[in-house]
PDB file of N, CA and C in Angstrom:
ATOM      1  N   MET A   1      81.018  18.081  20.257  1.00  0.00           N
ATOM      2  CA  MET A   1      79.662  18.196  20.718  1.00  0.00           C
ATOM      3  C   MET A   1      78.779  18.719  19.611  1.00  0.00           C
ATOM      4  N   ALA A   2      77.572  18.351  19.740  1.00  0.00           N
ATOM      5  CA  ALA A   2      76.606  18.782  18.734  1.00  0.00           C
ATOM      6  C   ALA A   2      76.229  20.223  18.994  1.00  0.00           C
ATOM      7  N   GLN A   3      76.095  20.916  17.900  1.00  0.00           N
ATOM      8  CA  GLN A   3      75.718  22.307  18.038  1.00  0.00           C
ATOM      9  C   GLN A   3      74.199  22.416  18.103  1.00  0.00           C
ATOM     10  N   GLU A   4      73.755  23.216  19.000  1.00  0.00           N
ATOM     11  CA  GLU A   4      72.321  23.475  19.097  1.00  0.00           C
ATOM     12  C   GLU A   4      71.979  24.628  18.207  1.00  0.00           C
ATOM     13  N   LYS A   5      70.935  24.442  17.466  1.00  0.00           N
ATOM     14  CA  LYS A   5      70.493  25.529  16.606  1.00  0.00           C
ATOM     15  C   LYS A   5      69.379  26.266  17.311  1.00  0.00           C
ATOM     16  N   THR A   6      69.492  27.507  17.307  1.00  0.00           N
ATOM     17  CA  THR A   6      68.434  28.314  17.877  1.00  0.00           C
ATOM     18  C   THR A   6      67.687  28.977  16.743  1.00  0.00           C
ATOM     19  N   LEU A   7      66.410  28.938  16.872  1.00  0.00           N
ATOM     20  CA  LEU A   7      65.578  29.549  15.846  1.00  0.00           C
ATOM     21  C   LEU A   7      65.370  31.007  16.179  1.00  0.00           C
ATOM     22  N   THR A   8      65.665  31.780  15.230  1.00  0.00           N
ATOM     23  CA  THR A   8      65.419  33.207  15.396  1.00  0.00           C
ATOM     24  C   THR A   8      64.340  33.597  14.404  1.00  0.00           C
ATOM     25  N   PRO A   9      63.465  34.452  14.805  1.00  0.00           N
ATOM     26  CA  PRO A   9      62.398  34.843  13.901  1.00  0.00           C
ATOM     27  C   PRO A   9      62.956  35.513  12.668  1.00  0.00           C
ATOM     28  N   ASN A  10      62.420  35.133  11.547  1.00  0.00           N
ATOM     29  CA  ASN A  10      62.827  35.698  10.270  1.00  0.00           C
ATOM     30  C   ASN A  10      61.885  36.841   9.941  1.00  0.00           C
ATOM     31  N   PRO A  11      62.385  38.048   9.886  1.00  0.00           N
ATOM     32  CA  PRO A  11      61.492  39.168   9.626  1.00  0.00           C
ATOM     33  C   PRO A  11      60.884  39.108   8.234  1.00  0.00           C
ATOM     34  N   ALA A  12      61.464  38.371   7.314  1.00  0.00           N
ATOM     35  CA  ALA A  12      60.926  38.303   5.951  1.00  0.00           C
ATOM     36  C   ALA A  12      59.601  37.569   5.923  1.00  0.00           C
ATOM     37  N   THR A  13      59.489  36.509   6.702  1.00  0.00           N
ATOM     38  CA  THR A  13      58.232  35.761   6.721  1.00  0.00           C
ATOM     39  C   THR A  13      57.210  36.410   7.618  1.00  0.00           C
ATOM     40  N   ASN A  14      57.631  37.131   8.587  1.00  0.00           N
ATOM     41  CA  ASN A  14      56.764  37.855   9.517  1.00  0.00           C
ATOM     42  C   ASN A  14      55.683  36.944  10.105  1.00  0.00           C
ATOM     43  N   LEU A  15      56.030  35.730  10.462  1.00  0.00           N
ATOM     44  CA  LEU A  15      55.082  34.809  11.088  1.00  0.00           C
ATOM     45  C   LEU A  15      55.237  34.915  12.591  1.00  0.00           C
ATOM     46  N   ASN A  16      54.183  35.119  13.236  1.00  0.00           N
ATOM     47  CA  ASN A  16      54.172  35.065  14.689  1.00  0.00           C
ATOM     48  C   ASN A  16      52.962  34.265  15.128  1.00  0.00           C
ATOM     49  N   VAL A  17      52.774  34.175  16.382  1.00  0.00           N
ATOM     50  CA  VAL A  17      51.697  33.351  16.926  1.00  0.00           C
ATOM     51  C   VAL A  17      50.340  33.850  16.463  1.00  0.00           C
ATOM     52  N   ASN A  18      50.125  35.134  16.440  1.00  0.00           N
ATOM     53  CA  ASN A  18      48.827  35.677  16.018  1.00  0.00           C
ATOM     54  C   ASN A  18      48.560  35.365  14.561  1.00  0.00           C
ATOM     55  N   ASN A  19      49.586  35.476  13.702  1.00  0.00           N
ATOM     56  CA  ASN A  19      49.392  35.182  12.282  1.00  0.00           C
ATOM     57  C   ASN A  19      49.070  33.705  12.073  1.00  0.00           C
ATOM     58  N   LEU A  20      49.687  32.810  12.821  1.00  0.00           N
ATOM     59  CA  LEU A  20      49.378  31.377  12.713  1.00  0.00           C
ATOM     60  C   LEU A  20      47.943  31.102  13.132  1.00  0.00           C
ATOM     61  N   LYS A  21      47.511  31.770  14.180  1.00  0.00           N
ATOM     62  CA  LYS A  21      46.135  31.601  14.644  1.00  0.00           C
ATOM     63  C   LYS A  21      45.166  32.095  13.576  1.00  0.00           C
ATOM     64  N   ASP A  22      45.485  33.243  12.979  1.00  0.00           N
ATOM     65  CA  ASP A  22      44.627  33.772  11.923  1.00  0.00           C
ATOM     66  C   ASP A  22      44.573  32.812  10.745  1.00  0.00           C
ATOM     67  N   LEU A  23      45.733  32.222  10.400  1.00  0.00           N
ATOM     68  CA  LEU A  23      45.782  31.263   9.306  1.00  0.00           C
ATOM     69  C   LEU A  23      44.948  30.035   9.635  1.00  0.00           C
ATOM     70  N   LYS A  24      45.056  29.577  10.875  1.00  0.00           N
ATOM     71  CA  LYS A  24      44.274  28.418  11.311  1.00  0.00           C
ATOM     72  C   LYS A  24      42.783  28.744  11.276  1.00  0.00           C
ATOM     73  N   ASP A  25      42.407  29.937  11.761  1.00  0.00           N
ATOM     74  CA  ASP A  25      41.009  30.353  11.739  1.00  0.00           C
ATOM     75  C   ASP A  25      40.498  30.468  10.309  1.00  0.00           C
ATOM     76  N   ALA A  26      41.315  30.977   9.418  1.00  0.00           N
ATOM     77  CA  ALA A  26      40.922  31.104   8.015  1.00  0.00           C
ATOM     78  C   ALA A  26      40.710  29.728   7.409  1.00  0.00           C
ATOM     79  N   LYS A  27      41.593  28.801   7.723  1.00  0.00           N
ATOM     80  CA  LYS A  27      41.441  27.437   7.216  1.00  0.00           C
ATOM     81  C   LYS A  27      40.181  26.811   7.796  1.00  0.00           C
ATOM     82  N   THR A  28      39.969  27.017   9.056  1.00  0.00           N
ATOM     83  CA  THR A  28      38.784  26.472   9.698  1.00  0.00           C
ATOM     84  C   THR A  28      37.525  27.081   9.088  1.00  0.00           C
ATOM     85  N   GLU A  29      37.555  28.373   8.817  1.00  0.00           N
ATOM     86  CA  GLU A  29      36.395  29.023   8.222  1.00  0.00           C
ATOM     87  C   GLU A  29      36.132  28.463   6.829  1.00  0.00           C
ATOM     88  N   ALA A  30      37.175  28.249   6.051  1.00  0.00           N
ATOM     89  CA  ALA A  30      37.014  27.672   4.716  1.00  0.00           C
ATOM     90  C   ALA A  30      36.463  26.255   4.811  1.00  0.00           C
ATOM     91  N   GLU A  31      36.986  25.493   5.759  1.00  0.00           N
ATOM     92  CA  GLU A  31      36.481  24.129   5.949  1.00  0.00           C
ATOM     93  C   GLU A  31      35.018  24.152   6.357  1.00  0.00           C
ATOM     94  N   LEU A  32      34.673  25.085   7.251  1.00  0.00           N
ATOM     95  CA  LEU A  32      33.280  25.189   7.683  1.00  0.00           C
ATOM     96  C   LEU A  32      32.363  25.560   6.516  1.00  0.00           C
ATOM     97  N   LYS A  33      32.829  26.469   5.674  1.00  0.00           N
ATOM     98  CA  LYS A  33      32.017  26.836   4.509  1.00  0.00           C
ATOM     99  C   LYS A  33      31.829  25.645   3.582  1.00  0.00           C
ATOM    100  N   GLN A  34      32.885  24.871   3.416  1.00  0.00           N
ATOM    101  CA  GLN A  34      32.800  23.688   2.561  1.00  0.00           C
ATOM    102  C   GLN A  34      31.848  22.663   3.167  1.00  0.00           C
ATOM    103  N   GLU A  35      31.976  22.450   4.471  1.00  0.00           N
ATOM    104  CA  GLU A  35      31.084  21.503   5.147  1.00  0.00           C
ATOM    105  C   GLU A  35      29.641  21.985   5.076  1.00  0.00           C
ATOM    106  N   LEU A  36      29.441  23.293   5.231  1.00  0.00           N
ATOM    107  CA  LEU A  36      28.088  23.846   5.148  1.00  0.00           C
ATOM    108  C   LEU A  36      27.507  23.627   3.760  1.00  0.00           C
ATOM    109  N   ALA A  37      28.316  23.830   2.740  1.00  0.00           N
ATOM    110  CA  ALA A  37      27.845  23.590   1.373  1.00  0.00           C
ATOM    111  C   ALA A  37      27.491  22.121   1.177  1.00  0.00           C
ATOM    112  N   MET A  38      28.313  21.218   1.725  1.00  0.00           N
ATOM    113  CA  MET A  38      28.014  19.784   1.618  1.00  0.00           C
ATOM    114  C   MET A  38      26.734  19.447   2.372  1.00  0.00           C
ATOM    115  N   LEU A  39      26.554  20.037   3.546  1.00  0.00           N
ATOM    116  CA  LEU A  39      25.341  19.782   4.324  1.00  0.00           C
ATOM    117  C   LEU A  39      24.104  20.291   3.582  1.00  0.00           C
ATOM    118  N   LYS A  40      24.225  21.455   2.964  1.00  0.00           N
ATOM    119  CA  LYS A  40      23.091  21.978   2.181  1.00  0.00           C
ATOM    120  C   LYS A  40      22.724  21.015   1.061  1.00  0.00           C
ATOM    121  N   THR A  41      23.736  20.492   0.387  1.00  0.00           N
ATOM    122  CA  THR A  41      23.494  19.539  -0.696  1.00  0.00           C
ATOM    123  C   THR A  41      22.823  18.282  -0.161  1.00  0.00           C
ATOM    124  N   GLN A  42      23.327  17.778   0.970  1.00  0.00           N
ATOM    125  CA  GLN A  42      22.752  16.561   1.556  1.00  0.00           C
ATOM    126  C   GLN A  42      21.318  16.786   2.003  1.00  0.00           C
ATOM    127  N   VAL A  43      21.058  17.946   2.616  1.00  0.00           N
ATOM    128  CA  VAL A  43      19.687  18.254   3.057  1.00  0.00           C
ATOM    129  C   VAL A  43      18.763  18.358   1.848  1.00  0.00           C
ATOM    130  N   SER A  44      19.244  18.983   0.785  1.00  0.00           N
ATOM    131  CA  SER A  44      18.443  19.101  -0.426  1.00  0.00           C
ATOM    132  C   SER A  44      18.110  17.721  -0.992  1.00  0.00           C
ATOM    133  N   GLU A  45      19.106  16.851  -1.053  1.00  0.00           N
ATOM    134  CA  GLU A  45      18.879  15.491  -1.545  1.00  0.00           C
ATOM    135  C   GLU A  45      17.929  14.732  -0.629  1.00  0.00           C
ATOM    136  N   LEU A  46      18.090  14.927   0.673  1.00  0.00           N
ATOM    137  CA  LEU A  46      17.208  14.263   1.639  1.00  0.00           C
ATOM    138  C   LEU A  46      15.769  14.737   1.478  1.00  0.00           C
ATOM    139  N   MET A  47      15.575  16.025   1.267  1.00  0.00           N
ATOM    140  CA  MET A  47      14.220  16.560   1.073  1.00  0.00           C
ATOM    141  C   MET A  47      13.593  15.995  -0.193  1.00  0.00           C
ATOM    142  N   LYS A  48      14.399  15.880  -1.258  1.00  0.00           N
ATOM    143  CA  LYS A  48      13.889  15.286  -2.495  1.00  0.00           C
ATOM    144  C   LYS A  48      13.475  13.841  -2.260  1.00  0.00           C
ATOM    145  N   GLU A  49      14.283  13.107  -1.516  1.00  0.00           N
ATOM    146  CA  GLU A  49      13.976  11.703  -1.228  1.00  0.00           C
ATOM    147  C   GLU A  49      12.717  11.585  -0.368  1.00  0.00           C
ATOM    148  N   ILE A  50      12.589  12.461   0.624  1.00  0.00           N
ATOM    149  CA  ILE A  50      11.390  12.450   1.482  1.00  0.00           C
ATOM    150  C   ILE A  50      10.153  12.750   0.643  1.00  0.00           C
ATOM    151  N   LYS A  51      10.270  13.726  -0.260  1.00  0.00           N
ATOM    152  CA  LYS A  51       9.141  14.065  -1.128  1.00  0.00           C
ATOM    153  C   LYS A  51       8.764  12.884  -2.007  1.00  0.00           C
ATOM    154  N   ARG A  52       9.777  12.217  -2.572  1.00  0.00           N
ATOM    155  CA  ARG A  52       9.509  11.062  -3.436  1.00  0.00           C
ATOM    156  C   ARG A  52       8.833   9.946  -2.649  1.00  0.00           C
ATOM    157  N   ILE A  53       9.349   9.694  -1.447  1.00  0.00           N
ATOM    158  CA  ILE A  53       8.774   8.630  -0.614  1.00  0.00           C
ATOM    159  C   ILE A  53       7.351   8.984  -0.208  1.00  0.00           C
ATOM    160  N   SER A  54       7.121  10.239   0.172  1.00  0.00           N
ATOM    161  CA  SER A  54       5.771  10.625   0.594  1.00  0.00           C
ATOM    162  C   SER A  54       4.790  10.548  -0.560  1.00  0.00           C
ATOM    163  N   GLU A  55       5.224  10.954  -1.771  1.00  0.00           N
ATOM    164  CA  GLU A  55       4.334  10.848  -2.932  1.00  0.00           C
ATOM    165  C   GLU A  55       4.024   9.395  -3.226  1.00  0.00           C
ATOM    166  N   LYS A  56       5.036   8.554  -3.129  1.00  0.00           N
ATOM    167  CA  LYS A  56       4.821   7.125  -3.349  1.00  0.00           C
ATOM    168  C   LYS A  56       3.888   6.562  -2.278  1.00  0.00           C
ATOM    169  N   GLY A  57       4.096   7.018  -1.022  1.00  0.00           N
ATOM    170  CA  GLY A  57       3.240   6.565   0.072  1.00  0.00           C
ATOM    171  C   GLY A  57       1.801   7.001  -0.109  1.00  0.00           C
ATOM    172  N   VAL A  58       1.615   8.227  -0.593  1.00  0.00           N
ATOM    173  CA  VAL A  58       0.264   8.734  -0.831  1.00  0.00           C
ATOM    174  C   VAL A  58      -0.408   7.924  -1.928  1.00  0.00           C
ATOM    175  N   GLU A  59       0.350   7.623  -2.986  1.00  0.00           N
ATOM    176  CA  GLU A  59      -0.207   6.795  -4.055  1.00  0.00           C
ATOM    177  C   GLU A  59      -0.589   5.430  -3.520  1.00  0.00           C
ATOM    178  N   HIS A  60       0.296   4.856  -2.698  1.00  0.00           N
ATOM    179  CA  HIS A  60       0.028   3.533  -2.115  1.00  0.00           C
ATOM    180  C   HIS A  60      -1.193   3.596  -1.208  1.00  0.00           C
ATOM    181  N   LEU A  61      -1.271   4.658  -0.412  1.00  0.00           N
ATOM    182  CA  LEU A  61      -2.404   4.812   0.489  1.00  0.00           C
ATOM    183  C   LEU A  61      -3.695   4.972  -0.304  1.00  0.00           C
ATOM    184  N   GLY A  62      -3.638   5.752  -1.392  1.00  0.00           N
ATOM    185  CA  GLY A  62      -4.821   5.928  -2.239  1.00  0.00           C
ATOM    186  C   GLY A  62      -5.265   4.612  -2.855  1.00  0.00           C
ATOM    187  N   ASP A  63      -4.305   3.817  -3.309  1.00  0.00           N
ATOM    188  CA  ASP A  63      -4.634   2.505  -3.877  1.00  0.00           C
ATOM    189  C   ASP A  63      -5.265   1.609  -2.818  1.00  0.00           C
ATOM    190  N   LYS A  64      -4.706   1.642  -1.619  1.00  0.00           N
ATOM    191  CA  LYS A  64      -5.231   0.806  -0.532  1.00  0.00           C
ATOM    192  C   LYS A  64      -6.660   1.225  -0.180  1.00  0.00           C
ATOM    193  N   ILE A  65      -6.900   2.522  -0.090  1.00  0.00           N
ATOM    194  CA  ILE A  65      -8.246   3.012   0.234  1.00  0.00           C
ATOM    195  C   ILE A  65      -9.220   2.608  -0.868  1.00  0.00           C
ATOM    196  N   GLU A  66      -8.770   2.724  -2.110  1.00  0.00           N
ATOM    197  CA  GLU A  66      -9.635   2.350  -3.233  1.00  0.00           C
ATOM    198  C   GLU A  66      -9.989   0.869  -3.193  1.00  0.00           C
ATOM    199  N   ARG A  67      -8.997   0.006  -2.911  1.00  0.00           N
ATOM    200  CA  ARG A  67      -9.267  -1.440  -2.810  1.00  0.00           C
ATOM    201  C   ARG A  67     -10.243  -1.732  -1.678  1.00  0.00           C
ATOM    202  N   GLU A  68     -10.016  -1.105  -0.513  1.00  0.00           N
ATOM    203  CA  GLU A  68     -10.915  -1.346   0.610  1.00  0.00           C
ATOM    204  C   GLU A  68     -12.316  -0.831   0.317  1.00  0.00           C
ATOM    205  N   PHE A  69     -12.419   0.318  -0.351  1.00  0.00           N
ATOM    206  CA  PHE A  69     -13.730   0.842  -0.713  1.00  0.00           C
ATOM    207  C   PHE A  69     -14.461  -0.124  -1.635  1.00  0.00           C
ATOM    208  N   GLU A  70     -13.734  -0.690  -2.599  1.00  0.00           N
ATOM    209  CA  GLU A  70     -14.341  -1.660  -3.507  1.00  0.00           C
ATOM    210  C   GLU A  70     -14.811  -2.893  -2.740  1.00  0.00           C
ATOM    211  N   GLN A  71     -13.999  -3.352  -1.789  1.00  0.00           N
ATOM    212  CA  GLN A  71     -14.393  -4.522  -0.996  1.00  0.00           C
ATOM    213  C   GLN A  71     -15.660  -4.225  -0.197  1.00  0.00           C
ATOM    214  N   TYR A  72     -15.703  -3.036   0.458  1.00  0.00           N
ATOM    215  CA  TYR A  72     -16.883  -2.693   1.243  1.00  0.00           C
ATOM    216  C   TYR A  72     -18.102  -2.484   0.342  1.00  0.00           C
ATOM    217  N   SER A  73     -17.889  -1.939  -0.838  1.00  0.00           N
ATOM    218  CA  SER A  73     -18.998  -1.766  -1.777  1.00  0.00           C
ATOM    219  C   SER A  73     -19.563  -3.121  -2.183  1.00  0.00           C
ATOM    220  N   GLU A  74     -18.672  -4.073  -2.459  1.00  0.00           N
ATOM    221  CA  GLU A  74     -19.129  -5.417  -2.810  1.00  0.00           C
ATOM    222  C   GLU A  74     -19.876  -6.062  -1.652  1.00  0.00           C
ATOM    223  N   LYS A  75     -19.349  -5.887  -0.421  1.00  0.00           N
ATOM    224  CA  LYS A  75     -20.040  -6.454   0.747  1.00  0.00           C
ATOM    225  C   LYS A  75     -21.411  -5.813   0.922  1.00  0.00           C
ATOM    226  N   ALA A  76     -21.478  -4.486   0.742  1.00  0.00           N
ATOM    227  CA  ALA A  76     -22.762  -3.794   0.878  1.00  0.00           C
ATOM    228  C   ALA A  76     -23.746  -4.273  -0.186  1.00  0.00           C
ATOM    229  N   ALA A  77     -23.265  -4.447  -1.400  1.00  0.00           N
ATOM    230  CA  ALA A  77     -24.135  -4.935  -2.476  1.00  0.00           C
ATOM    231  C   ALA A  77     -24.618  -6.351  -2.160  1.00  0.00           C
ATOM    232  N   ASP A  78     -23.728  -7.174  -1.609  1.00  0.00           N
ATOM    233  CA  ASP A  78     -24.138  -8.529  -1.210  1.00  0.00           C
ATOM    234  C   ASP A  78     -25.213  -8.480  -0.127  1.00  0.00           C
ATOM    235  N   LYS A  79     -25.051  -7.590   0.845  1.00  0.00           N
ATOM    236  CA  LYS A  79     -26.040  -7.468   1.928  1.00  0.00           C
ATOM    237  C   LYS A  79     -27.382  -6.978   1.384  1.00  0.00           C
ATOM    238  N   VAL A  80     -27.336  -6.052   0.443  1.00  0.00           N
ATOM    239  CA  VAL A  80     -28.579  -5.557  -0.156  1.00  0.00           C
ATOM    240  C   VAL A  80     -29.274  -6.684  -0.919  1.00  0.00           C
ATOM    241  N   ARG A  81     -28.500  -7.473  -1.666  1.00  0.00           N
ATOM    242  CA  ARG A  81     -29.094  -8.616  -2.378  1.00  0.00           C
ATOM    243  C   ARG A  81     -29.684  -9.621  -1.394  1.00  0.00           C
ATOM    244  N   ASP A  82     -28.965  -9.874  -0.285  1.00  0.00           N
ATOM    245  CA  ASP A  82     -29.485 -10.802   0.725  1.00  0.00           C
ATOM    246  C   ASP A  82     -30.790 -10.275   1.317  1.00  0.00           C
ATOM    247  N   ALA A  83     -30.827  -8.971   1.632  1.00  0.00           N
ATOM    248  CA  ALA A  83     -32.052  -8.381   2.183  1.00  0.00           C
ATOM    249  C   ALA A  83     -33.195  -8.448   1.179  1.00  0.00           C
ATOM    250  N   GLN A  84     -32.871  -8.236  -0.088  1.00  0.00           N
ATOM    251  CA  GLN A  84     -33.896  -8.314  -1.125  1.00  0.00           C
ATOM    252  C   GLN A  84     -34.437  -9.734  -1.249  1.00  0.00           C
ATOM    253  N   HIS A  85     -33.556 -10.727  -1.142  1.00  0.00           N
ATOM    254  CA  HIS A  85     -34.008 -12.130  -1.190  1.00  0.00           C
ATOM    255  C   HIS A  85     -34.897 -12.450   0.007  1.00  0.00           C
ATOM    256  N   VAL A  86     -34.512 -11.951   1.175  1.00  0.00           N
ATOM    257  CA  VAL A  86     -35.336 -12.192   2.375  1.00  0.00           C
ATOM    258  C   VAL A  86     -36.705 -11.540   2.212  1.00  0.00           C
ATOM    259  N   ALA A  87     -36.724 -10.304   1.693  1.00  0.00           N
ATOM    260  CA  ALA A  87     -37.996  -9.620   1.490  1.00  0.00           C
ATOM    261  C   ALA A  87     -38.846 -10.354   0.451  1.00  0.00           C
ATOM    262  N   ASP A  88     -38.213 -10.798  -0.624  1.00  0.00           N
ATOM    263  CA  ASP A  88     -38.951 -11.555  -1.648  1.00  0.00           C
ATOM    264  C   ASP A  88     -39.504 -12.851  -1.067  1.00  0.00           C
ATOM    265  N   ASP A  89     -38.708 -13.530  -0.256  1.00  0.00           N
ATOM    266  CA  ASP A  89     -39.178 -14.773   0.377  1.00  0.00           C
ATOM    267  C   ASP A  89     -40.349 -14.493   1.317  1.00  0.00           C
ATOM    268  N   GLY A  90     -40.251 -13.380   2.062  1.00  0.00           N
ATOM    269  CA  GLY A  90     -41.340 -13.004   2.976  1.00  0.00           C
ATOM    270  C   GLY A  90     -42.622 -12.705   2.211  1.00  0.00           C
ATOM    271  N   LEU A  91     -42.502 -11.965   1.119  1.00  0.00           N
ATOM    272  CA  LEU A  91     -43.683 -11.660   0.301  1.00  0.00           C
ATOM    273  C   LEU A  91     -44.266 -12.925  -0.314  1.00  0.00           C
ATOM    274  N   GLU A  92     -43.409 -13.807  -0.741  1.00  0.00           N
ATOM    275  CA  GLU A  92     -43.882 -15.080  -1.299  1.00  0.00           C
ATOM    276  C   GLU A  92     -44.640 -15.877  -0.239  1.00  0.00           C
ATOM    277  N   GLU A  93     -44.107 -15.894   0.975  1.00  0.00           N
ATOM    278  CA  GLU A  93     -44.765 -16.631   2.062  1.00  0.00           C
ATOM    279  C   GLU A  93     -46.128 -16.013   2.374  1.00  0.00           C
ATOM    280  N   ILE A  94     -46.188 -14.683   2.410  1.00  0.00           N
ATOM    281  CA  ILE A  94     -47.467 -14.008   2.667  1.00  0.00           C
ATOM    282  C   ILE A  94     -48.443 -14.307   1.535  1.00  0.00           C
ATOM    283  N   SER A  95     -47.954 -14.299   0.318  1.00  0.00           N
ATOM    284  CA  SER A  95     -48.804 -14.585  -0.835  1.00  0.00           C
ATOM    285  C   SER A  95     -49.378 -15.994  -0.747  1.00  0.00           C
ATOM    286  N   VAL A  96     -48.554 -16.954  -0.329  1.00  0.00           N
ATOM    287  CA  VAL A  96     -49.017 -18.344  -0.193  1.00  0.00           C
ATOM    288  C   VAL A  96     -50.084 -18.427   0.895  1.00  0.00           C
ATOM    289  N   ARG A  97     -49.868 -17.741   2.014  1.00  0.00           N
ATOM    290  CA  ARG A  97     -50.851 -17.790   3.115  1.00  0.00           C
ATOM    291  C   ARG A  97     -52.176 -17.137   2.702  1.00  0.00           C
ATOM    292  N   VAL A  98     -52.089 -16.035   1.943  1.00  0.00           N
ATOM    293  CA  VAL A  98     -53.310 -15.371   1.496  1.00  0.00           C
ATOM    294  C   VAL A  98     -54.104 -16.300   0.583  1.00  0.00           C
ATOM    295  N   ARG A  99     -53.415 -17.025  -0.294  1.00  0.00           N
ATOM    296  CA  ARG A  99     -54.101 -17.953  -1.189  1.00  0.00           C
ATOM    297  C   ARG A  99     -54.734 -19.105  -0.420  1.00  0.00           C
ATOM    298  N   LYS A 100     -54.068 -19.543   0.655  1.00  0.00           N
ATOM    299  CA  LYS A 100     -54.622 -20.656   1.437  1.00  0.00           C
ATOM    300  C   LYS A 100     -55.823 -20.206   2.265  1.00  0.00           C
ATOM    301  N   ASN A 101     -55.775 -19.015   2.827  1.00  0.00           N
ATOM    302  CA  ASN A 101     -56.850 -18.514   3.693  1.00  0.00           C
ATOM    303  C   ASN A 101     -57.262 -17.102   3.246  1.00  0.00           C
ATOM    304  N   PRO A 102     -58.030 -17.003   2.172  1.00  0.00           N
ATOM    305  CA  PRO A 102     -58.370 -15.662   1.682  1.00  0.00           C
ATOM    306  C   PRO A 102     -59.287 -14.882   2.627  1.00  0.00           C
ATOM    307  N   VAL A 103     -60.234 -15.556   3.299  1.00  0.00           N
ATOM    308  CA  VAL A 103     -61.180 -14.859   4.186  1.00  0.00           C
ATOM    309  C   VAL A 103     -60.441 -14.319   5.395  1.00  0.00           C
ATOM    310  N   ALA A 104     -59.601 -15.120   5.997  1.00  0.00           N
ATOM    311  CA  ALA A 104     -58.841 -14.677   7.165  1.00  0.00           C
ATOM    312  C   ALA A 104     -57.900 -13.533   6.772  1.00  0.00           C
ATOM    313  N   SER A 105     -57.323 -13.594   5.591  1.00  0.00           N
ATOM    314  CA  SER A 105     -56.404 -12.544   5.133  1.00  0.00           C
ATOM    315  C   SER A 105     -57.136 -11.220   4.962  1.00  0.00           C
ATOM    316  N   VAL A 106     -58.370 -11.280   4.408  1.00  0.00           N
ATOM    317  CA  VAL A 106     -59.158 -10.061   4.237  1.00  0.00           C
ATOM    318  C   VAL A 106     -59.542  -9.508   5.600  1.00  0.00           C
ATOM    319  N   ALA A 107     -59.905 -10.356   6.545  1.00  0.00           N
ATOM    320  CA  ALA A 107     -60.281  -9.909   7.886  1.00  0.00           C
ATOM    321  C   ALA A 107     -59.084  -9.257   8.586  1.00  0.00           C
ATOM    322  N   ILE A 108     -57.917  -9.857   8.464  1.00  0.00           N
ATOM    323  CA  ILE A 108     -56.720  -9.288   9.093  1.00  0.00           C
ATOM    324  C   ILE A 108     -56.394  -7.935   8.447  1.00  0.00           C
ATOM    325  N   ALA A 109     -56.484  -7.847   7.130  1.00  0.00           N
ATOM    326  CA  ALA A 109     -56.204  -6.593   6.435  1.00  0.00           C
ATOM    327  C   ALA A 109     -57.201  -5.514   6.860  1.00  0.00           C
ATOM    328  N   PHE A 110     -58.494  -5.892   6.999  1.00  0.00           N
ATOM    329  CA  PHE A 110     -59.502  -4.939   7.457  1.00  0.00           C
ATOM    330  C   PHE A 110     -59.177  -4.442   8.861  1.00  0.00           C
ATOM    331  N   PHE A 111     -58.830  -5.354   9.756  1.00  0.00           N
ATOM    332  CA  PHE A 111     -58.524  -4.996  11.139  1.00  0.00           C
ATOM    333  C   PHE A 111     -57.299  -4.068  11.207  1.00  0.00           C
ATOM    334  N   VAL A 112     -56.243  -4.386  10.463  1.00  0.00           N
ATOM    335  CA  VAL A 112     -55.023  -3.551  10.463  1.00  0.00           C
ATOM    336  C   VAL A 112     -55.365  -2.165   9.909  1.00  0.00           C
ATOM    337  N   GLY A 113     -56.152  -2.109   8.852  1.00  0.00           N
ATOM    338  CA  GLY A 113     -56.564  -0.819   8.283  1.00  0.00           C
ATOM    339  C   GLY A 113     -57.377  -0.006   9.274  1.00  0.00           C
ATOM    340  N   TYR A 114     -58.293  -0.668   9.989  1.00  0.00           N
ATOM    341  CA  TYR A 114     -59.119   0.000  10.983  1.00  0.00           C
ATOM    342  C   TYR A 114     -58.256   0.598  12.096  1.00  0.00           C
ATOM    343  N   VAL A 115     -57.289  -0.182  12.586  1.00  0.00           N
ATOM    344  CA  VAL A 115     -56.410   0.295  13.671  1.00  0.00           C
ATOM    345  C   VAL A 115     -55.580   1.485  13.196  1.00  0.00           C
ATOM    346  N   ILE A 116     -55.078   1.416  12.001  1.00  0.00           N
ATOM    347  CA  ILE A 116     -54.266   2.515  11.464  1.00  0.00           C
ATOM    348  C   ILE A 116     -55.129   3.784  11.319  1.00  0.00           C
ATOM    349  N   SER A 117     -56.355   3.610  10.846  1.00  0.00           N
ATOM    350  CA  SER A 117     -57.220   4.779  10.659  1.00  0.00           C
ATOM    351  C   SER A 117     -57.579   5.411  12.006  1.00  0.00           C
ATOM    352  N   ARG A 118     -57.771   4.587  13.021  1.00  0.00           N
ATOM    353  CA  ARG A 118     -58.089   5.109  14.357  1.00  0.00           C
ATOM    354  C   ARG A 118     -56.903   5.880  14.940  1.00  0.00           C
ATOM    355  N   ILE A 119     -55.701   5.359  14.700  1.00  0.00           N
ATOM    356  CA  ILE A 119     -54.493   6.037  15.223  1.00  0.00           C
ATOM    357  C   ILE A 119     -54.312   7.391  14.537  1.00  0.00           C
ATOM    358  N   THR A 120     -54.471   7.439  13.226  1.00  0.00           N
ATOM    359  CA  THR A 120     -54.258   8.690  12.499  1.00  0.00           C
ATOM    360  C   THR A 120     -55.388   9.680  12.731  1.00  0.00           C
ATOM    361  N   ASP A 121     -56.621   9.225  12.964  1.00  0.00           N
ATOM    362  CA  ASP A 121     -57.735  10.120  13.214  1.00  0.00           C
ATOM    363  C   ASP A 121     -57.656  10.753  14.602  1.00  0.00           C
ATOM    364  N   SER A 122     -57.085  10.060  15.560  1.00  0.00           N
ATOM    365  CA  SER A 122     -57.046  10.568  16.923  1.00  0.00           C
ATOM    366  C   SER A 122     -56.041  11.705  17.077  1.00  0.00           C
ATOM    367  N   LYS A 123     -55.177  11.903  16.179  1.00  0.00           N
ATOM    368  CA  LYS A 123     -54.170  12.963  16.293  1.00  0.00           C
ATOM    369  C   LYS A 123     -54.659  14.186  15.665  1.00  0.00           C
TER     370      LYS A 123
END
């Protein structure tokens, strides 16, 4: 028959259940410290990447705002030129009418001046 071996505690090693638990806890604590150090490194790298992306985004946003501002400035300048052309055309038309009917133009100017003077004098 096969002999059964019984394990007897060896006093030289002095290992018991509590010591194994302490060893396991120590290993776990070391692993946790290592994982924490790795997480700190990853968070640091992530923060650097976020900063780089945000700076790039800000630059991109600034470029976009600048382009749009230039477009709106050009549109505004075009509108001002259009308004100036309309005003010039209106003045030209008035000038042509005054040349065609100088007496009527003087009478209208006199009447408008009279009305304006009456309005300002009454106040």
